[in-house]
Amino acid sequence: MANAKTRKARAVPAGKIGIENVIRPGRVRPVDAEMYTAMKRAYLKVLPAKPPGATIADVRSRLLAYLPETLYPGGAKAGWWAKAVQLDLEAKGLVARTRTTPLRLYKA
């Protein structure tokens, strides 16, 4: 049985995109590419460019204005997608977090 370090990367199915998680490095999870791309665009629009950044609550409240209603009707599932995209963007070095309480995010 292969461990996480020796496991080969699996191909991502069509219509999916592989996302990472800053909390679990090396693990890639396939998710819907269209949902991910829409949330990523919204996330990068609402995040401040530099510290002190914005709290997660502030970011989430601003995201809804930039999400397509066809994919996120009434904000449905936006919470899960916001967290998944946040962790992926952090893993990829596009988003950074402060070491404050409450946690604040900004573009890296």
N, C-alpha and C. Protein backbone atom coordinates (compact mmCIF):
# COMPACT_ATOMS: atom_id res chain seq x y z
N MET A 1 0.85 -1.18 0.00
CA MET A 1 0.00 0.00 0.00
C MET A 1 0.89 1.24 0.00
N ALA A 2 0.68 2.14 -0.93
CA ALA A 2 1.51 3.34 -1.06
C ALA A 2 1.10 4.38 -0.04
N ASN A 3 2.09 5.08 0.48
CA ASN A 3 1.76 6.17 1.39
C ASN A 3 1.59 7.46 0.60
N ALA A 4 1.28 8.55 1.29
CA ALA A 4 1.00 9.82 0.61
C ALA A 4 2.21 10.33 -0.17
N LYS A 5 3.42 10.06 0.29
CA LYS A 5 4.60 10.56 -0.40
C LYS A 5 4.91 9.80 -1.68
N THR A 6 4.53 8.54 -1.75
CA THR A 6 4.85 7.74 -2.94
C THR A 6 3.65 7.57 -3.87
N ARG A 7 2.51 8.03 -3.46
CA ARG A 7 1.30 7.89 -4.27
C ARG A 7 1.43 8.72 -5.55
N LYS A 8 1.08 8.15 -6.68
CA LYS A 8 1.15 8.87 -7.95
C LYS A 8 -0.06 9.78 -8.07
N ALA A 9 0.16 10.92 -8.73
CA ALA A 9 -0.94 11.86 -8.96
C ALA A 9 -1.93 11.23 -9.94
N ARG A 10 -3.19 11.34 -9.60
CA ARG A 10 -4.23 10.81 -10.47
C ARG A 10 -4.64 11.86 -11.48
N ALA A 11 -5.09 11.40 -12.63
CA ALA A 11 -5.58 12.32 -13.65
C ALA A 11 -6.89 12.93 -13.16
N VAL A 12 -7.07 14.21 -13.45
CA VAL A 12 -8.30 14.89 -13.06
C VAL A 12 -9.29 14.72 -14.20
N PRO A 13 -10.50 14.24 -13.89
CA PRO A 13 -11.52 14.02 -14.92
C PRO A 13 -11.90 15.31 -15.65
N ALA A 14 -12.43 15.16 -16.85
CA ALA A 14 -12.89 16.31 -17.63
C ALA A 14 -13.96 17.07 -16.84
N GLY A 15 -13.92 18.39 -16.93
CA GLY A 15 -14.88 19.22 -16.22
C GLY A 15 -14.53 19.43 -14.75
N LYS A 16 -13.39 18.90 -14.34
CA LYS A 16 -12.94 19.03 -12.95
C LYS A 16 -11.61 19.76 -12.93
N ILE A 17 -11.26 20.24 -11.76
CA ILE A 17 -9.96 20.87 -11.54
C ILE A 17 -9.44 20.36 -10.22
N GLY A 18 -8.15 20.14 -10.14
CA GLY A 18 -7.57 19.63 -8.90
C GLY A 18 -7.24 20.78 -7.95
N ILE A 19 -7.76 20.71 -6.74
CA ILE A 19 -7.45 21.74 -5.76
C ILE A 19 -6.61 21.15 -4.64
N GLU A 20 -5.78 22.02 -4.06
CA GLU A 20 -4.91 21.63 -2.96
C GLU A 20 -5.48 22.19 -1.66
N ASN A 21 -4.85 21.80 -0.57
CA ASN A 21 -5.28 22.28 0.74
C ASN A 21 -4.03 22.59 1.54
N VAL A 22 -3.89 23.84 1.97
CA VAL A 22 -2.72 24.26 2.72
C VAL A 22 -2.57 23.46 4.01
N ILE A 23 -3.67 22.95 4.54
CA ILE A 23 -3.65 22.18 5.78
C ILE A 23 -3.19 20.74 5.54
N ARG A 24 -3.45 20.21 4.36
CA ARG A 24 -3.05 18.84 4.00
C ARG A 24 -2.21 18.87 2.73
N PRO A 25 -0.96 19.27 2.82
CA PRO A 25 -0.10 19.38 1.64
C PRO A 25 0.04 18.05 0.89
N GLY A 26 0.12 18.15 -0.42
CA GLY A 26 0.31 16.98 -1.25
C GLY A 26 -0.96 16.26 -1.66
N ARG A 27 -2.07 16.64 -1.09
CA ARG A 27 -3.34 16.00 -1.42
C ARG A 27 -4.08 16.89 -2.43
N VAL A 28 -4.51 16.29 -3.52
CA VAL A 28 -5.25 17.02 -4.55
C VAL A 28 -6.63 16.40 -4.67
N ARG A 29 -7.65 17.26 -4.65
CA ARG A 29 -9.04 16.79 -4.73
C ARG A 29 -9.68 17.36 -5.99
N PRO A 30 -10.29 16.51 -6.81
CA PRO A 30 -10.96 17.03 -8.01
C PRO A 30 -12.33 17.64 -7.64
N VAL A 31 -12.56 18.86 -8.15
CA VAL A 31 -13.84 19.53 -7.94
C VAL A 31 -14.31 20.12 -9.26
N ASP A 32 -15.56 20.54 -9.28
CA ASP A 32 -16.15 21.12 -10.48
C ASP A 32 -15.37 22.37 -10.91
N ALA A 33 -14.87 22.37 -12.13
CA ALA A 33 -14.02 23.46 -12.62
C ALA A 33 -14.78 24.77 -12.73
N GLU A 34 -16.01 24.73 -13.17
CA GLU A 34 -16.79 25.96 -13.36
C GLU A 34 -17.11 26.62 -12.02
N MET A 35 -17.49 25.83 -11.03
CA MET A 35 -17.78 26.37 -9.70
C MET A 35 -16.51 26.95 -9.08
N TYR A 36 -15.40 26.23 -9.22
CA TYR A 36 -14.13 26.68 -8.67
C TYR A 36 -13.69 27.99 -9.31
N THR A 37 -13.72 28.06 -10.63
CA THR A 37 -13.26 29.23 -11.35
C THR A 37 -14.08 30.47 -10.98
N ALA A 38 -15.38 30.32 -10.88
CA ALA A 38 -16.23 31.45 -10.50
C ALA A 38 -15.89 31.94 -9.09
N MET A 39 -15.70 31.02 -8.16
CA MET A 39 -15.37 31.41 -6.79
C MET A 39 -13.97 32.03 -6.73
N LYS A 40 -13.03 31.48 -7.46
CA LYS A 40 -11.66 32.02 -7.45
C LYS A 40 -11.66 33.46 -7.97
N ARG A 41 -12.36 33.71 -9.05
CA ARG A 41 -12.44 35.08 -9.60
C ARG A 41 -13.03 36.03 -8.57
N ALA A 42 -14.12 35.62 -7.94
CA ALA A 42 -14.76 36.46 -6.92
C ALA A 42 -13.81 36.69 -5.75
N TYR A 43 -13.15 35.64 -5.31
CA TYR A 43 -12.23 35.73 -4.17
C TYR A 43 -11.13 36.74 -4.45
N LEU A 44 -10.53 36.67 -5.62
CA LEU A 44 -9.44 37.56 -5.96
C LEU A 44 -9.91 39.00 -6.16
N LYS A 45 -11.18 39.20 -6.47
CA LYS A 45 -11.73 40.56 -6.58
C LYS A 45 -11.93 41.21 -5.22
N VAL A 46 -12.33 40.43 -4.23
CA VAL A 46 -12.68 41.02 -2.93
C VAL A 46 -11.53 41.07 -1.94
N LEU A 47 -10.48 40.31 -2.16
CA LEU A 47 -9.36 40.32 -1.21
C LEU A 47 -8.53 41.59 -1.34
N PRO A 48 -8.15 42.19 -0.21
CA PRO A 48 -7.24 43.33 -0.25
C PRO A 48 -5.87 42.90 -0.78
N ALA A 49 -5.16 43.87 -1.36
CA ALA A 49 -3.86 43.58 -1.95
C ALA A 49 -2.74 43.44 -0.92
N LYS A 50 -2.95 43.96 0.29
CA LYS A 50 -1.88 43.90 1.29
C LYS A 50 -2.46 43.83 2.69
N PRO A 51 -1.62 43.50 3.67
CA PRO A 51 -2.07 43.45 5.06
C PRO A 51 -2.59 44.80 5.51
N PRO A 52 -3.51 44.91 6.42
CA PRO A 52 -3.90 43.85 7.33
C PRO A 52 -4.90 42.87 6.73
N GLY A 53 -5.40 43.11 5.53
CA GLY A 53 -6.32 42.17 4.90
C GLY A 53 -7.74 42.30 5.39
N ALA A 54 -8.54 41.30 5.11
CA ALA A 54 -9.95 41.28 5.50
C ALA A 54 -10.23 39.99 6.26
N THR A 55 -11.16 40.07 7.20
CA THR A 55 -11.53 38.87 7.94
C THR A 55 -12.28 37.92 7.00
N ILE A 56 -12.33 36.69 7.38
CA ILE A 56 -13.05 35.70 6.56
C ILE A 56 -14.52 36.07 6.46
N ALA A 57 -15.10 36.56 7.54
CA ALA A 57 -16.51 36.98 7.51
C ALA A 57 -16.71 38.12 6.51
N ASP A 58 -15.80 39.09 6.49
CA ASP A 58 -15.90 40.18 5.52
C ASP A 58 -15.78 39.67 4.09
N VAL A 59 -14.83 38.79 3.87
CA VAL A 59 -14.63 38.24 2.52
C VAL A 59 -15.89 37.52 2.07
N ARG A 60 -16.43 36.66 2.92
CA ARG A 60 -17.62 35.90 2.54
C ARG A 60 -18.82 36.79 2.25
N SER A 61 -18.97 37.85 3.01
CA SER A 61 -20.12 38.74 2.76
C SER A 61 -19.97 39.49 1.44
N ARG A 62 -18.75 39.76 1.03
CA ARG A 62 -18.50 40.47 -0.23
C ARG A 62 -18.56 39.55 -1.45
N LEU A 63 -18.29 38.27 -1.26
CA LEU A 63 -18.22 37.33 -2.39
C LEU A 63 -19.53 37.22 -3.16
N LEU A 64 -20.64 37.20 -2.47
CA LEU A 64 -21.93 36.95 -3.11
C LEU A 64 -22.22 37.90 -4.27
N ALA A 65 -21.76 39.13 -4.17
CA ALA A 65 -22.01 40.11 -5.23
C ALA A 65 -21.30 39.74 -6.53
N TYR A 66 -20.27 38.91 -6.46
CA TYR A 66 -19.48 38.57 -7.64
C TYR A 66 -19.69 37.15 -8.15
N LEU A 67 -20.58 36.41 -7.50
CA LEU A 67 -20.83 35.03 -7.92
C LEU A 67 -22.00 34.97 -8.88
N PRO A 68 -21.87 34.19 -9.96
CA PRO A 68 -22.98 34.06 -10.90
C PRO A 68 -24.17 33.34 -10.27
N GLU A 69 -25.33 33.91 -10.43
CA GLU A 69 -26.56 33.34 -9.86
C GLU A 69 -26.85 31.96 -10.44
N THR A 70 -26.42 31.71 -11.67
CA THR A 70 -26.67 30.41 -12.29
C THR A 70 -25.92 29.29 -11.58
N LEU A 71 -24.74 29.59 -11.04
CA LEU A 71 -23.95 28.58 -10.35
C LEU A 71 -24.21 28.55 -8.85
N TYR A 72 -24.47 29.72 -8.28
CA TYR A 72 -24.68 29.85 -6.83
C TYR A 72 -26.02 30.54 -6.56
N PRO A 73 -27.14 29.88 -6.89
CA PRO A 73 -28.45 30.52 -6.71
C PRO A 73 -28.70 30.88 -5.25
N GLY A 74 -28.89 32.18 -5.01
CA GLY A 74 -29.13 32.65 -3.65
C GLY A 74 -27.95 32.43 -2.72
N GLY A 75 -26.77 32.23 -3.28
CA GLY A 75 -25.58 31.98 -2.46
C GLY A 75 -25.43 30.53 -2.02
N ALA A 76 -26.24 29.65 -2.59
CA ALA A 76 -26.20 28.23 -2.22
C ALA A 76 -24.80 27.66 -2.40
N LYS A 77 -24.33 26.96 -1.40
CA LYS A 77 -23.03 26.27 -1.38
C LYS A 77 -21.84 27.21 -1.43
N ALA A 78 -22.06 28.51 -1.34
CA ALA A 78 -20.96 29.46 -1.41
C ALA A 78 -20.01 29.30 -0.23
N GLY A 79 -20.51 28.94 0.93
CA GLY A 79 -19.66 28.79 2.12
C GLY A 79 -18.61 27.71 1.94
N TRP A 80 -19.05 26.53 1.47
CA TRP A 80 -18.11 25.43 1.26
C TRP A 80 -17.08 25.80 0.19
N TRP A 81 -17.56 26.36 -0.91
CA TRP A 81 -16.66 26.72 -2.00
C TRP A 81 -15.70 27.82 -1.59
N ALA A 82 -16.15 28.78 -0.80
CA ALA A 82 -15.26 29.85 -0.34
C ALA A 82 -14.11 29.27 0.47
N LYS A 83 -14.40 28.34 1.37
CA LYS A 83 -13.35 27.74 2.19
C LYS A 83 -12.41 26.89 1.34
N ALA A 84 -12.96 26.09 0.44
CA ALA A 84 -12.14 25.23 -0.42
C ALA A 84 -11.20 26.07 -1.29
N VAL A 85 -11.72 27.14 -1.87
CA VAL A 85 -10.90 28.00 -2.73
C VAL A 85 -9.87 28.75 -1.88
N GLN A 86 -10.26 29.22 -0.71
CA GLN A 86 -9.31 29.89 0.18
C GLN A 86 -8.11 29.00 0.47
N LEU A 87 -8.36 27.77 0.87
CA LEU A 87 -7.28 26.85 1.21
C LEU A 87 -6.42 26.50 -0.01
N ASP A 88 -7.05 26.39 -1.17
CA ASP A 88 -6.31 26.12 -2.40
C ASP A 88 -5.42 27.30 -2.77
N LEU A 89 -5.96 28.51 -2.70
CA LEU A 89 -5.18 29.68 -3.05
C LEU A 89 -4.03 29.90 -2.07
N GLU A 90 -4.25 29.56 -0.81
CA GLU A 90 -3.16 29.63 0.16
C GLU A 90 -2.08 28.60 -0.17
N ALA A 91 -2.49 27.39 -0.52
CA ALA A 91 -1.53 26.33 -0.87
C ALA A 91 -0.71 26.72 -2.09
N LYS A 92 -1.31 27.46 -3.00
CA LYS A 92 -0.63 27.87 -4.23
C LYS A 92 0.14 29.18 -4.06
N GLY A 93 0.07 29.78 -2.87
CA GLY A 93 0.81 31.00 -2.60
C GLY A 93 0.19 32.26 -3.15
N LEU A 94 -1.07 32.22 -3.54
CA LEU A 94 -1.75 33.40 -4.08
C LEU A 94 -2.44 34.22 -2.99
N VAL A 95 -2.69 33.59 -1.86
CA VAL A 95 -3.34 34.24 -0.73
C VAL A 95 -2.50 33.97 0.51
N ALA A 96 -2.40 34.98 1.36
CA ALA A 96 -1.66 34.83 2.62
C ALA A 96 -2.59 35.18 3.77
N ARG A 97 -2.26 34.68 4.95
CA ARG A 97 -3.05 34.97 6.14
C ARG A 97 -2.17 35.64 7.19
N THR A 98 -2.81 36.47 7.99
CA THR A 98 -2.09 37.11 9.09
C THR A 98 -2.13 36.17 10.28
N ARG A 99 -1.28 36.41 11.23
CA ARG A 99 -1.26 35.61 12.46
C ARG A 99 -1.95 36.40 13.57
N THR A 100 -3.15 36.85 13.26
CA THR A 100 -3.93 37.64 14.21
C THR A 100 -5.25 36.96 14.51
N THR A 101 -5.92 37.48 15.51
CA THR A 101 -7.28 37.04 15.81
C THR A 101 -8.16 38.26 15.70
N PRO A 102 -9.16 38.26 14.85
CA PRO A 102 -9.50 37.18 13.94
C PRO A 102 -8.51 37.10 12.76
N LEU A 103 -8.47 35.94 12.17
CA LEU A 103 -7.64 35.69 11.02
C LEU A 103 -8.01 36.66 9.90
N ARG A 104 -7.01 37.16 9.20
CA ARG A 104 -7.26 38.06 8.07
C ARG A 104 -6.51 37.53 6.85
N LEU A 105 -7.10 37.72 5.70
CA LEU A 105 -6.53 37.24 4.43
C LEU A 105 -6.23 38.41 3.51
N TYR A 106 -5.22 38.24 2.67
CA TYR A 106 -4.88 39.24 1.66
C TYR A 106 -4.15 38.54 0.51
N LYS A 107 -4.05 39.24 -0.62
CA LYS A 107 -3.34 38.67 -1.77
C LYS A 107 -1.86 38.62 -1.45
N ALA A 108 -1.26 37.50 -1.77
CA ALA A 108 0.19 37.33 -1.48
C ALA A 108 1.02 37.99 -2.56
